[in-house]
Amino acid sequence: MTNNKHNTYNTLFHWNSFRLKLVFEGMGVGVLTGLLVVLYRFMLEEAGLMLTKVYNILTVRPALIFAWIGVLCIIGYVVGLLVKHDPMISGSGIPQVEGVLLRKLSMNWWKVIIGKFVGGVLAIGSGLSMGREGPSVQLGAAVGQGFSQVLKRVKIEEKYLTTSGASAGLAAAFSAPLAGVMFALEEVHKNFSPLVLLSAVSAAVSADFVTSEFFGLKPVLNFANLPDFPLRLYFFIIILGAIIGVLGVAFNKTLLKTQDLYAMQNWLPKKYWVIFPLLISILLGLFLPQVLGGGHELIASLVTKGNYPFKILLVLMLVKFLFTMACYGSGAPGGIFLPLLAIGALIGNVYGVALVHVFHMDSMYVNNFIILAMAGYFTAVVRAPITGTILITEMTGSFSHLLTLAIVSIVAYMVADLLGSKPIYESLLEKFLHKQGQGMEAGNEKSKYILEFAVCMGSMLDGKQIKEIKWPAHCLLVSVKRGEREIIPKGDTVIYPGDYLIVLTNEDKVAKINDALICLVESCEIHKGR
């Protein structure tokens, strides 16, 4: 029995012995992810510089535009073939990572690393309005999975290492280790487990250390010397949060609708879809080059150069929005983090300039509205307010605006929730699973798998004895963690909010057990009202 590494005995044995190992393994995953993402960022930066040179040449020698069209068509075709060969590399990659952790999708880690890296460099480097952060998260998750499989770790260990790799990927992409950790807890794993925290922190810090060695310790965006926002003007922050919440819902609905529009057309095969936004990028590169790429330079220009005319800001905001929709809808490998932050920054700039003209507000506060709108827009779209607040704080290097960032994020979250909008990655995962026909579920009945669930206040388990609960079939409650205590469950054991339930099941039943127990441990009334 003990020879089978994935049987019940060994699964439970490893659960009690691998906690300290997760820290060191997380560090290993973080270092590997950091090196990979550093190379990815370097290639994208070099491609961006080359792209600028190309459009400078085209403005002088317009006859060469036909050659550039041919190059972009070849690039689009190659990227389309990569996506067709492995659909797991399409789009952001974050929904796919969440699907893998839920055991609803399977991922071939080395194919994802190669396909996502090459496809992302070609697509984003050619000017598509897509970001590096989603691919970095998926690259990190693939590194974590590969690390686990090469060292032949048990399945539960693989899950934590995959999560820690995702955390390291975001930390390395934005030089934001705290945001990487919070993203792993709040969005990817959706569980504030101490084990997730241990592995995610060690991976994110290690990845950030590696990234800092290559790119320095400076924040990704330089928003130094922002003035403190006066309390008498906080009303305008609340208004901004409400506006951002509505616009975030519009972003989600438009993005999903754009994917449907691509799928509805029959005249262009799927492997050619990426060519369409690449051809659009030629016109934009000649007449409005600010909207090309993820948007890092655009955000920086709003702060360093500033003084864009109000009409130009509106045009940039609208074109960046529509171009992002066209790019992401094509299925090209690239994320939406950075583009949505750029759109949020433009919204904040427009809002700030409007207040200056209408209410004669001091123009020195315009930059404050830029970072506030970035955090609020991220929250309204992704529905991860803590991650959004920490991410913008780390990206801008400004730690004196946590209160205002938190306020605008909370308001934006509430408005988006009231409008019935789902988190974008949850919606994208559902759409991806629907396209795949649920045919990529992973697992077999011989391997055992451990799941961990946090009991929420007001849930169906709150205050109940174990014997009073109708548990799903094919699962066994093996432990109840209450703080530092680990309780062996009995029929009369009472479950309290904050408890962590450790459940053993067959690997092929993980997805169904996960869905059933989430309904039990969380407040079902809230879920049904959404």
Protein backbone atom coordinates (compact mmCIF):
# COMPACT_ATOMS: atom_id res chain seq x y z
CA MET A 1 0.00 0.00 0.00
CA THR A 2 2.80 2.43 0.83
CA ASN A 3 4.42 1.94 -2.58
CA ASN A 4 1.66 3.92 -4.29
CA LYS A 5 2.54 7.56 -3.74
CA HIS A 6 -1.02 8.74 -4.34
CA ASN A 7 -2.89 6.28 -2.13
CA THR A 8 -4.78 7.32 1.01
CA TYR A 9 -1.97 6.64 3.48
CA ASN A 10 0.69 8.54 1.58
CA THR A 11 -1.62 11.42 0.74
CA LEU A 12 -2.45 11.98 4.42
CA PHE A 13 1.17 11.39 5.46
CA HIS A 14 2.46 14.03 3.05
CA TRP A 15 -0.24 16.45 4.17
CA ASN A 16 1.20 16.42 7.69
CA SER A 17 4.86 16.52 6.63
CA PHE A 18 5.16 18.87 3.68
CA ARG A 19 4.33 22.24 5.27
CA LEU A 20 7.91 23.31 5.82
CA LYS A 21 8.88 21.89 2.43
CA LEU A 22 6.38 24.24 0.78
CA VAL A 23 8.43 27.23 1.88
CA PHE A 24 11.65 25.97 0.28
CA GLU A 25 9.89 24.59 -2.77
CA GLY A 26 8.04 27.90 -3.13
CA MET A 27 11.40 29.66 -3.13
CA GLY A 28 12.63 27.34 -5.88
CA VAL A 29 9.51 27.95 -7.96
CA GLY A 30 9.87 31.70 -7.35
CA VAL A 31 13.47 31.80 -8.56
CA LEU A 32 12.69 29.80 -11.71
CA THR A 33 9.59 31.88 -12.42
CA GLY A 34 11.50 35.09 -11.81
CA LEU A 35 14.18 34.13 -14.34
CA LEU A 36 11.58 33.12 -16.93
CA VAL A 37 9.51 36.30 -16.50
CA VAL A 38 12.65 38.47 -16.57
CA LEU A 39 13.46 36.98 -19.98
CA TYR A 40 9.85 37.49 -21.05
CA ARG A 41 9.85 41.15 -19.97
CA PHE A 42 13.22 41.73 -21.65
CA MET A 43 11.99 40.27 -24.94
CA LEU A 44 8.84 42.38 -24.82
CA GLU A 45 10.81 45.55 -24.10
CA GLU A 46 13.17 44.85 -26.98
CA ALA A 47 10.21 44.11 -29.26
CA GLY A 48 8.61 47.40 -28.18
CA LEU A 49 11.75 49.36 -29.05
CA MET A 50 11.93 47.62 -32.42
CA LEU A 51 8.25 48.37 -33.05
CA THR A 52 8.86 52.08 -32.41
CA LYS A 53 11.71 52.05 -34.92
CA VAL A 54 9.50 50.31 -37.48
CA TYR A 55 6.81 52.99 -37.32
CA ASN A 56 9.41 55.75 -37.39
CA ILE A 57 10.71 54.25 -40.63
CA LEU A 58 7.19 53.87 -42.04
CA THR A 59 6.44 57.55 -41.49
CA VAL A 60 9.50 58.41 -43.58
CA ARG A 61 9.16 55.63 -46.16
CA PRO A 62 5.43 54.78 -46.45
CA ALA A 63 6.05 52.44 -49.39
CA LEU A 64 7.39 49.87 -46.93
CA ILE A 65 3.98 49.55 -45.33
CA PHE A 66 3.12 46.63 -47.64
CA ALA A 67 6.13 44.70 -46.39
CA TRP A 68 5.04 45.39 -42.80
CA ILE A 69 1.53 44.13 -43.59
CA GLY A 70 3.07 40.90 -44.87
CA VAL A 71 5.19 40.53 -41.72
CA LEU A 72 2.18 41.06 -39.43
CA CYS A 73 0.10 38.56 -41.43
CA ILE A 74 2.83 35.93 -40.96
CA ILE A 75 3.08 36.72 -37.24
CA GLY A 76 -0.71 36.53 -36.87
CA TYR A 77 -0.82 33.20 -38.69
CA VAL A 78 1.97 31.72 -36.51
CA VAL A 79 0.27 32.90 -33.31
CA GLY A 80 -3.06 31.52 -34.57
CA LEU A 81 -1.46 28.12 -35.20
CA LEU A 82 0.04 28.11 -31.70
CA VAL A 83 -3.35 28.85 -30.14
CA LYS A 84 -5.07 26.24 -32.31
CA HIS A 85 -2.46 23.64 -31.32
CA ASP A 86 -2.93 24.36 -27.60
CA PRO A 87 -6.03 26.41 -26.63
CA MET A 88 -4.69 26.65 -23.06
CA ILE A 89 -2.30 29.42 -24.15
CA SER A 90 -5.05 31.67 -25.52
CA GLY A 91 -5.95 34.97 -23.90
CA SER A 92 -4.81 35.94 -20.44
CA GLY A 93 -4.16 32.46 -19.09
CA ILE A 94 -5.45 33.30 -15.62
CA PRO A 95 -8.87 31.65 -16.20
CA GLN A 96 -7.05 28.53 -17.40
CA VAL A 97 -4.92 28.49 -14.24
CA GLU A 98 -8.04 28.75 -12.09
CA GLY A 99 -9.60 25.91 -14.08
CA VAL A 100 -6.52 23.75 -13.49
CA LEU A 101 -6.66 24.40 -9.73
CA LEU A 102 -10.36 23.47 -9.74
CA ARG A 103 -9.42 20.26 -11.60
CA LYS A 104 -11.74 21.20 -14.44
CA LEU A 105 -8.86 21.64 -16.90
CA SER A 106 -5.58 19.88 -17.49
CA MET A 107 -2.40 21.69 -18.48
CA ASN A 108 0.73 20.38 -20.16
CA TRP A 109 3.23 22.63 -18.39
CA TRP A 110 6.09 22.57 -20.88
CA LYS A 111 3.82 23.13 -23.89
CA VAL A 112 2.21 26.10 -22.11
CA ILE A 113 5.60 27.61 -21.27
CA ILE A 114 6.83 27.38 -24.86
CA GLY A 115 3.55 28.38 -26.52
CA LYS A 116 2.69 31.21 -24.14
CA PHE A 117 6.20 32.65 -24.21
CA VAL A 118 6.60 32.61 -27.99
CA GLY A 119 2.98 33.56 -28.72
CA GLY A 120 3.00 36.38 -26.16
CA VAL A 121 6.24 37.90 -27.44
CA LEU A 122 4.99 37.80 -31.04
CA ALA A 123 1.49 39.15 -30.28
CA ILE A 124 2.26 41.80 -27.66
CA GLY A 125 5.59 42.70 -29.25
CA SER A 126 3.79 43.41 -32.55
CA GLY A 127 1.66 46.10 -30.89
CA LEU A 128 -1.50 44.35 -29.69
CA SER A 129 -3.16 46.02 -26.71
CA MET A 130 -2.48 43.18 -24.28
CA GLY A 131 -0.43 42.93 -21.11
CA ARG A 132 2.41 40.75 -19.86
CA GLU A 133 0.90 40.02 -16.43
CA GLY A 134 -1.65 37.33 -17.42
CA PRO A 135 0.92 35.35 -19.42
CA SER A 136 3.41 35.83 -16.55
CA VAL A 137 0.89 34.35 -14.10
CA GLN A 138 0.28 31.36 -16.36
CA LEU A 139 4.00 30.91 -17.02
CA GLY A 140 4.59 30.90 -13.26
CA ALA A 141 1.77 28.41 -12.69
CA ALA A 142 3.22 26.14 -15.40
CA VAL A 143 6.66 26.38 -13.76
CA GLY A 144 5.09 25.41 -10.41
CA GLN A 145 3.30 22.45 -11.96
CA GLY A 146 6.42 21.35 -13.83
CA PHE A 147 8.52 21.67 -10.66
CA SER A 148 6.08 19.40 -8.85
CA GLN A 149 5.81 16.82 -11.62
CA VAL A 150 9.55 16.61 -12.28
CA LEU A 151 10.18 16.02 -8.56
CA LYS A 152 7.18 13.63 -8.46
CA ARG A 153 5.28 15.43 -5.72
CA VAL A 154 1.78 14.39 -4.60
CA LYS A 155 -1.23 16.08 -6.19
CA ILE A 156 -2.05 18.35 -3.26
CA GLU A 157 1.54 19.61 -3.27
CA GLU A 158 1.28 20.27 -6.99
CA LYS A 159 -1.77 22.44 -6.39
CA TYR A 160 0.03 24.65 -3.89
CA LEU A 161 3.14 24.91 -6.06
CA THR A 162 1.00 25.87 -9.04
CA THR A 163 -0.62 28.60 -6.96
CA SER A 164 2.76 29.80 -5.69
CA GLY A 165 4.02 29.93 -9.27
CA ALA A 166 1.06 32.11 -10.24
CA SER A 167 1.87 34.40 -7.32
CA ALA A 168 5.51 34.60 -8.40
CA GLY A 169 4.47 35.35 -11.98
CA LEU A 170 2.47 38.44 -11.03
CA ALA A 171 5.15 39.56 -8.57
CA ALA A 172 7.80 39.35 -11.29
CA ALA A 173 5.62 40.99 -13.96
CA PHE A 174 4.93 44.13 -11.91
CA SER A 175 7.70 44.01 -9.27
CA ALA A 176 4.87 43.73 -6.75
CA PRO A 177 5.38 40.78 -4.36
CA LEU A 178 2.58 41.69 -1.94
CA ALA A 179 0.10 42.02 -4.79
CA GLY A 180 1.29 38.67 -6.15
CA VAL A 181 0.59 37.01 -2.81
CA MET A 182 -2.80 38.66 -2.40
CA PHE A 183 -3.78 37.79 -5.97
CA ALA A 184 -2.97 34.14 -5.31
CA LEU A 185 -5.12 34.17 -2.17
CA GLU A 186 -7.98 36.39 -3.31
CA GLU A 187 -8.41 35.47 -6.96
CA VAL A 188 -6.47 32.36 -8.03
CA HIS A 189 -6.85 30.03 -5.02
CA LYS A 190 -9.85 31.87 -3.52
CA ASN A 191 -8.75 30.66 -0.10
CA PHE A 192 -6.79 32.47 2.61
CA SER A 193 -5.18 29.23 3.73
CA PRO A 194 -1.97 29.49 5.79
CA LEU A 195 -0.42 26.90 3.49
CA VAL A 196 -1.20 28.98 0.41
CA LEU A 197 0.16 32.03 2.21
CA LEU A 198 3.43 30.27 3.10
CA SER A 199 4.16 29.01 -0.40
CA ALA A 200 2.90 32.16 -2.15
CA VAL A 201 4.95 34.53 -0.01
CA SER A 202 8.17 32.53 -0.43
CA ALA A 203 7.63 32.29 -4.20
CA ALA A 204 6.63 35.94 -4.69
CA VAL A 205 9.50 37.33 -2.63
CA SER A 206 12.02 35.07 -4.40
CA ALA A 207 10.69 36.08 -7.82
CA ASP A 208 10.76 39.76 -6.88
CA PHE A 209 14.37 39.39 -5.67
CA VAL A 210 15.38 37.93 -9.03
CA THR A 211 13.46 40.62 -10.92
CA SER A 212 15.01 43.40 -8.85
CA GLU A 213 18.49 42.12 -9.71
CA PHE A 214 17.77 42.73 -13.39
CA PHE A 215 15.38 45.71 -13.41
CA GLY A 216 16.35 47.46 -10.16
CA LEU A 217 14.35 48.32 -7.05
CA LYS A 218 12.39 51.21 -8.52
CA PRO A 219 8.59 50.82 -8.90
CA VAL A 220 7.15 50.02 -12.32
CA LEU A 221 5.41 53.41 -12.47
CA ASN A 222 6.95 56.56 -11.03
CA PHE A 223 4.26 58.50 -9.17
CA ALA A 224 6.59 60.18 -6.70
CA ASN A 225 5.58 63.24 -4.65
CA LEU A 226 1.83 62.87 -5.05
CA PRO A 227 0.07 65.37 -2.76
CA ASP A 228 -2.12 64.13 0.07
CA PHE A 229 -5.75 64.26 -0.93
CA PRO A 230 -7.73 66.60 1.39
CA LEU A 231 -10.67 65.14 3.32
CA ARG A 232 -13.02 67.87 2.07
CA LEU A 233 -12.70 66.44 -1.46
CA TYR A 234 -13.43 62.79 -0.60
CA PHE A 235 -16.94 63.16 -2.02
CA PHE A 236 -15.37 63.31 -5.49
CA ILE A 237 -13.59 60.00 -4.78
CA ILE A 238 -16.93 58.33 -4.04
CA ILE A 239 -18.39 59.71 -7.27
CA LEU A 240 -15.34 58.44 -9.17
CA GLY A 241 -15.79 54.98 -7.62
CA ALA A 242 -19.42 54.85 -8.76
CA ILE A 243 -18.51 55.91 -12.31
CA ILE A 244 -15.64 53.43 -12.42
CA GLY A 245 -17.95 50.66 -11.19
CA VAL A 246 -20.36 51.24 -14.08
CA LEU A 247 -17.55 51.46 -16.63
CA GLY A 248 -15.98 48.28 -15.24
CA VAL A 249 -19.23 46.41 -15.84
CA ALA A 250 -19.25 47.81 -19.39
CA PHE A 251 -15.69 46.50 -19.86
CA ASN A 252 -16.67 42.98 -18.79
CA LYS A 253 -19.80 42.81 -20.90
CA THR A 254 -18.10 44.25 -23.98
CA LEU A 255 -15.15 41.86 -23.66
CA LEU A 256 -17.43 38.82 -23.49
CA LYS A 257 -19.59 40.15 -26.32
CA THR A 258 -16.51 40.69 -28.49
CA GLN A 259 -15.55 37.04 -28.05
CA ASP A 260 -19.07 36.08 -29.13
CA LEU A 261 -18.80 38.29 -32.23
CA TYR A 262 -15.56 36.59 -33.25
CA ALA A 263 -17.16 33.18 -32.72
CA MET A 264 -20.29 34.10 -34.72
CA GLN A 265 -18.51 35.02 -37.95
CA ASN A 266 -17.88 32.24 -40.45
CA TRP A 267 -15.85 33.94 -43.18
CA LEU A 268 -12.53 33.93 -41.29
CA PRO A 269 -11.15 30.69 -39.77
CA LYS A 270 -10.12 30.88 -36.12
CA LYS A 271 -6.41 30.53 -36.85
CA TYR A 272 -6.53 33.83 -38.76
CA TRP A 273 -8.34 35.84 -36.07
CA VAL A 274 -5.16 37.37 -34.65
CA ILE A 275 -4.35 38.89 -38.05
CA PHE A 276 -7.40 41.18 -37.78
CA PRO A 277 -6.25 43.26 -34.76
CA LEU A 278 -2.68 43.22 -36.07
CA LEU A 279 -3.84 44.93 -39.27
CA ILE A 280 -5.77 47.47 -37.19
CA SER A 281 -2.55 48.15 -35.27
CA ILE A 282 -0.92 49.47 -38.46
CA LEU A 283 -3.33 52.41 -38.69
CA LEU A 284 -3.04 53.06 -34.98
CA GLY A 285 0.74 52.83 -35.10
CA LEU A 286 0.83 55.53 -37.77
CA PHE A 287 -1.73 57.92 -36.29
CA LEU A 288 -2.18 57.05 -32.59
CA PRO A 289 0.84 55.01 -31.45
CA GLN A 290 0.11 55.66 -27.74
CA VAL A 291 -2.56 52.93 -27.71
CA LEU A 292 -0.24 50.16 -28.95
CA GLY A 293 1.08 47.61 -26.47
CA GLY A 294 -0.03 47.01 -22.93
CA GLY A 295 -0.14 50.66 -21.90
CA HIS A 296 2.84 51.11 -19.58
CA GLU A 297 4.28 53.99 -21.62
CA LEU A 298 0.82 55.55 -21.96
CA ILE A 299 0.30 55.60 -18.19
CA ALA A 300 3.79 57.01 -17.65
CA SER A 301 3.18 59.75 -20.25
CA LEU A 302 0.03 60.87 -18.44
CA VAL A 303 2.17 61.66 -15.41
CA THR A 304 5.50 62.78 -16.86
CA LYS A 305 4.22 64.74 -19.86
CA GLY A 306 0.67 65.49 -18.81
CA ASN A 307 -1.35 68.35 -20.24
CA TYR A 308 -3.04 66.22 -22.90
CA PRO A 309 -5.97 68.18 -24.34
CA PHE A 310 -9.31 66.99 -23.01
CA LYS A 311 -10.50 65.80 -26.44
CA ILE A 312 -7.29 63.84 -27.00
CA LEU A 313 -7.75 62.10 -23.66
CA LEU A 314 -11.27 61.07 -24.67
CA VAL A 315 -10.04 59.76 -28.02
CA LEU A 316 -7.21 57.81 -26.36
CA MET A 317 -9.62 56.31 -23.83
CA LEU A 318 -12.16 55.23 -26.44
CA VAL A 319 -9.63 53.87 -28.94
CA LYS A 320 -7.63 52.04 -26.25
CA PHE A 321 -10.85 50.45 -25.01
CA LEU A 322 -12.03 49.30 -28.45
CA PHE A 323 -8.59 48.13 -29.54
CA THR A 324 -8.21 46.08 -26.35
CA MET A 325 -11.56 44.42 -27.06
CA ALA A 326 -10.52 43.55 -30.62
CA CYS A 327 -7.18 42.16 -29.45
CA TYR A 328 -8.44 40.03 -26.58
CA GLY A 329 -11.45 38.74 -28.51
CA SER A 330 -9.11 37.28 -31.13
CA GLY A 331 -7.72 34.79 -28.59
CA ALA A 332 -4.14 36.06 -28.86
CA PRO A 333 -1.90 35.17 -25.89
CA GLY A 334 -1.92 38.28 -23.71
CA GLY A 335 -3.43 39.68 -20.55
CA ILE A 336 -5.91 42.43 -19.71
CA PHE A 337 -4.32 43.69 -16.47
CA LEU A 338 -2.14 46.38 -18.02
CA PRO A 339 -4.62 47.51 -20.71
CA LEU A 340 -7.39 47.88 -18.14
CA LEU A 341 -5.05 49.82 -15.87
CA ALA A 342 -4.22 52.11 -18.81
CA ILE A 343 -7.91 52.62 -19.55
CA GLY A 344 -8.52 53.29 -15.85
CA ALA A 345 -5.70 55.84 -15.82
CA LEU A 346 -7.24 57.63 -18.81
CA ILE A 347 -10.65 57.65 -17.12
CA GLY A 348 -9.09 59.13 -14.00
CA ASN A 349 -7.27 61.76 -16.05
CA VAL A 350 -10.47 62.73 -17.87
CA TYR A 351 -12.33 62.90 -14.55
CA GLY A 352 -9.62 65.00 -12.92
CA VAL A 353 -9.38 67.47 -15.82
CA ALA A 354 -13.18 67.78 -15.85
CA LEU A 355 -13.18 68.66 -12.13
CA VAL A 356 -10.47 71.24 -12.70
CA HIS A 357 -12.52 72.94 -15.43
CA VAL A 358 -15.97 72.62 -13.84
CA PHE A 359 -15.26 72.95 -10.11
CA HIS A 360 -11.91 74.77 -10.38
CA MET A 361 -10.15 72.08 -8.36
CA ASP A 362 -6.40 72.45 -8.03
CA SER A 363 -4.77 70.68 -11.01
CA MET A 364 -2.12 69.11 -8.76
CA TYR A 365 -4.70 66.49 -7.72
CA VAL A 366 -5.21 65.16 -11.28
CA ASN A 367 -2.48 62.56 -10.84
CA ASN A 368 -4.22 61.34 -7.68
CA PHE A 369 -7.34 60.61 -9.71
CA ILE A 370 -5.22 58.67 -12.22
CA ILE A 371 -4.00 56.13 -9.64
CA LEU A 372 -7.39 56.03 -7.89
CA ALA A 373 -9.16 55.22 -11.14
CA MET A 374 -6.59 52.50 -11.91
CA ALA A 375 -7.34 50.75 -8.61
CA GLY A 376 -11.11 51.23 -8.92
CA TYR A 377 -11.27 50.03 -12.52
CA PHE A 378 -9.20 46.95 -11.68
CA THR A 379 -11.53 46.18 -8.78
CA ALA A 380 -14.69 46.65 -10.85
CA VAL A 381 -13.41 44.34 -13.59
CA VAL A 382 -11.54 41.65 -11.62
CA ARG A 383 -13.49 42.03 -8.35
CA ALA A 384 -10.38 41.74 -6.18
CA PRO A 385 -10.34 45.00 -4.16
CA ILE A 386 -7.48 44.10 -1.81
CA THR A 387 -5.27 43.02 -4.71
CA GLY A 388 -6.15 46.18 -6.63
CA THR A 389 -5.28 48.46 -3.72
CA ILE A 390 -1.97 46.74 -2.98
CA LEU A 391 -1.04 46.40 -6.66
CA ILE A 392 -1.41 50.11 -7.40
CA THR A 393 0.41 50.97 -4.17
CA GLU A 394 3.40 48.82 -5.13
CA MET A 395 3.38 49.78 -8.80
CA THR A 396 3.39 53.51 -8.04
CA GLY A 397 5.64 53.42 -4.99
CA SER A 398 3.17 55.67 -3.14
CA PHE A 399 2.15 54.25 0.26
CA SER A 400 0.42 57.36 1.61
CA HIS A 401 -2.80 56.91 -0.35
CA LEU A 402 -4.06 53.57 0.94
CA LEU A 403 -7.21 55.14 2.40
CA THR A 404 -8.30 56.81 -0.83
CA LEU A 405 -7.39 53.71 -2.86
CA ALA A 406 -9.43 51.54 -0.51
CA ILE A 407 -12.45 53.87 -0.68
CA VAL A 408 -12.58 54.04 -4.47
CA SER A 409 -12.05 50.25 -4.70
CA ILE A 410 -14.86 49.49 -2.25
CA VAL A 411 -17.30 51.83 -4.00
CA ALA A 412 -16.42 50.42 -7.42
CA TYR A 413 -16.83 46.87 -6.08
CA MET A 414 -20.25 47.65 -4.58
CA VAL A 415 -21.53 49.28 -7.77
CA ALA A 416 -20.32 46.41 -9.98
CA ASP A 417 -21.87 43.90 -7.57
CA LEU A 418 -25.20 45.74 -7.51
CA LEU A 419 -25.25 45.72 -11.31
CA GLY A 420 -24.92 41.92 -11.25
CA SER A 421 -21.58 41.72 -13.01
CA LYS A 422 -19.50 38.59 -12.46
CA PRO A 423 -15.71 38.79 -12.00
CA ILE A 424 -14.17 38.78 -15.45
CA TYR A 425 -11.93 35.74 -14.92
CA GLU A 426 -14.84 33.70 -13.60
CA SER A 427 -16.86 34.58 -16.71
CA LEU A 428 -13.93 33.85 -19.02
CA LEU A 429 -13.39 30.46 -17.37
CA GLU A 430 -17.05 29.54 -17.85
CA LYS A 431 -16.84 30.54 -21.51
CA PHE A 432 -13.60 28.60 -22.00
CA LEU A 433 -15.08 25.47 -20.41
CA HIS A 434 -18.16 25.81 -22.59
CA LYS A 435 -15.99 26.01 -25.73
CA GLN A 436 -14.05 22.93 -24.67
CA GLY A 437 -17.28 21.07 -23.91
CA GLN A 438 -16.08 20.24 -20.39
CA GLY A 439 -13.90 17.65 -22.11
CA MET A 440 -10.63 18.48 -20.38
CA GLU A 441 -11.37 17.36 -16.82
CA ALA A 442 -8.39 15.82 -15.09
CA GLY A 443 -7.89 12.98 -12.63
CA ASN A 444 -8.40 9.26 -12.07
CA GLU A 445 -10.24 7.28 -9.42
CA LYS A 446 -7.13 5.53 -8.07
CA SER A 447 -5.28 8.68 -6.94
CA LYS A 448 -6.37 10.46 -3.78
CA TYR A 449 -6.63 14.22 -3.41
CA ILE A 450 -6.92 16.53 -0.40
CA LEU A 451 -9.06 19.68 -0.51
CA GLU A 452 -9.11 22.52 1.98
CA PHE A 453 -12.13 24.78 2.60
CA ALA A 454 -12.58 27.79 4.89
CA VAL A 455 -15.97 27.99 6.64
CA CYS A 456 -17.62 31.40 6.25
CA MET A 457 -19.84 33.13 8.79
CA GLY A 458 -23.51 32.54 8.05
CA SER A 459 -22.87 29.49 5.86
CA MET A 460 -24.86 26.26 6.04
CA LEU A 461 -22.11 24.73 8.24
CA ASP A 462 -21.94 27.60 10.74
CA GLY A 463 -22.68 26.19 14.23
CA LYS A 464 -23.70 22.74 12.94
CA GLN A 465 -22.53 19.37 14.23
CA ILE A 466 -20.84 17.16 11.67
CA LYS A 467 -23.55 14.50 11.96
CA GLU A 468 -26.23 17.10 11.12
CA ILE A 469 -24.71 17.89 7.74
CA LYS A 470 -25.52 16.08 4.50
CA TRP A 471 -22.05 15.66 3.03
CA PRO A 472 -21.49 15.00 -0.70
CA ALA A 473 -20.78 11.44 -1.76
CA HIS A 474 -17.20 10.29 -2.46
CA CYS A 475 -15.57 12.53 0.15
CA LEU A 476 -14.23 12.05 3.68
CA LEU A 477 -13.72 14.79 6.27
CA VAL A 478 -10.35 13.91 7.80
CA SER A 479 -9.51 17.00 9.85
CA VAL A 480 -10.83 20.32 11.16
CA LYS A 481 -8.21 23.05 11.65
CA ARG A 482 -9.13 25.72 14.20
CA GLY A 483 -6.29 28.19 14.53
CA GLU A 484 -3.21 26.18 15.49
CA ARG A 485 -5.33 23.24 16.67
CA GLU A 486 -6.08 20.26 14.44
CA ILE A 487 -9.24 18.43 15.52
CA ILE A 488 -10.05 14.84 14.60
CA PRO A 489 -13.69 15.12 13.43
CA LYS A 490 -16.43 13.27 15.30
CA GLY A 491 -20.18 13.23 14.86
CA ASP A 492 -20.75 15.77 17.62
CA THR A 493 -17.91 18.10 16.58
CA VAL A 494 -19.34 21.59 16.04
CA ILE A 495 -18.07 23.59 13.05
CA TYR A 496 -17.43 27.29 13.56
CA PRO A 497 -16.69 30.18 11.15
CA GLY A 498 -12.99 30.36 10.40
CA ASP A 499 -12.49 26.60 10.61
CA TYR A 500 -10.61 24.91 7.80
CA LEU A 501 -12.06 21.59 6.65
CA ILE A 502 -9.59 19.04 5.26
CA VAL A 503 -11.39 16.67 2.89
CA LEU A 504 -10.09 13.53 1.18
CA THR A 505 -11.54 12.41 -2.17
CA ASN A 506 -10.67 10.62 -5.40
CA GLU A 507 -8.88 12.75 -7.96
CA ASP A 508 -11.54 12.27 -10.60
CA LYS A 509 -14.21 13.61 -8.22
CA VAL A 510 -12.33 16.79 -7.23
CA ALA A 511 -14.26 19.23 -9.46
CA LYS A 512 -17.69 18.01 -8.32
CA ILE A 513 -16.72 17.81 -4.63
CA ASN A 514 -15.15 21.26 -4.82
CA ASP A 515 -18.33 22.83 -6.24
CA ALA A 516 -20.57 21.04 -3.72
CA LEU A 517 -18.50 21.96 -0.66
CA ILE A 518 -18.04 25.59 -1.72
CA CYS A 519 -21.83 25.86 -1.59
CA LEU A 520 -21.76 24.47 1.95
CA VAL A 521 -18.87 26.47 3.44
CA GLU A 522 -19.89 29.80 1.91
CA SER A 523 -23.13 31.70 2.44
CA CYS A 524 -25.47 30.20 -0.14
CA GLU A 525 -27.97 33.04 0.25
CA ILE A 526 -25.36 35.49 -1.01
CA HIS A 527 -24.39 33.26 -3.94
CA LYS A 528 -27.97 32.80 -5.06
CA GLY A 529 -28.58 36.52 -4.94
CA ARG A 530 -25.81 37.24 -7.41
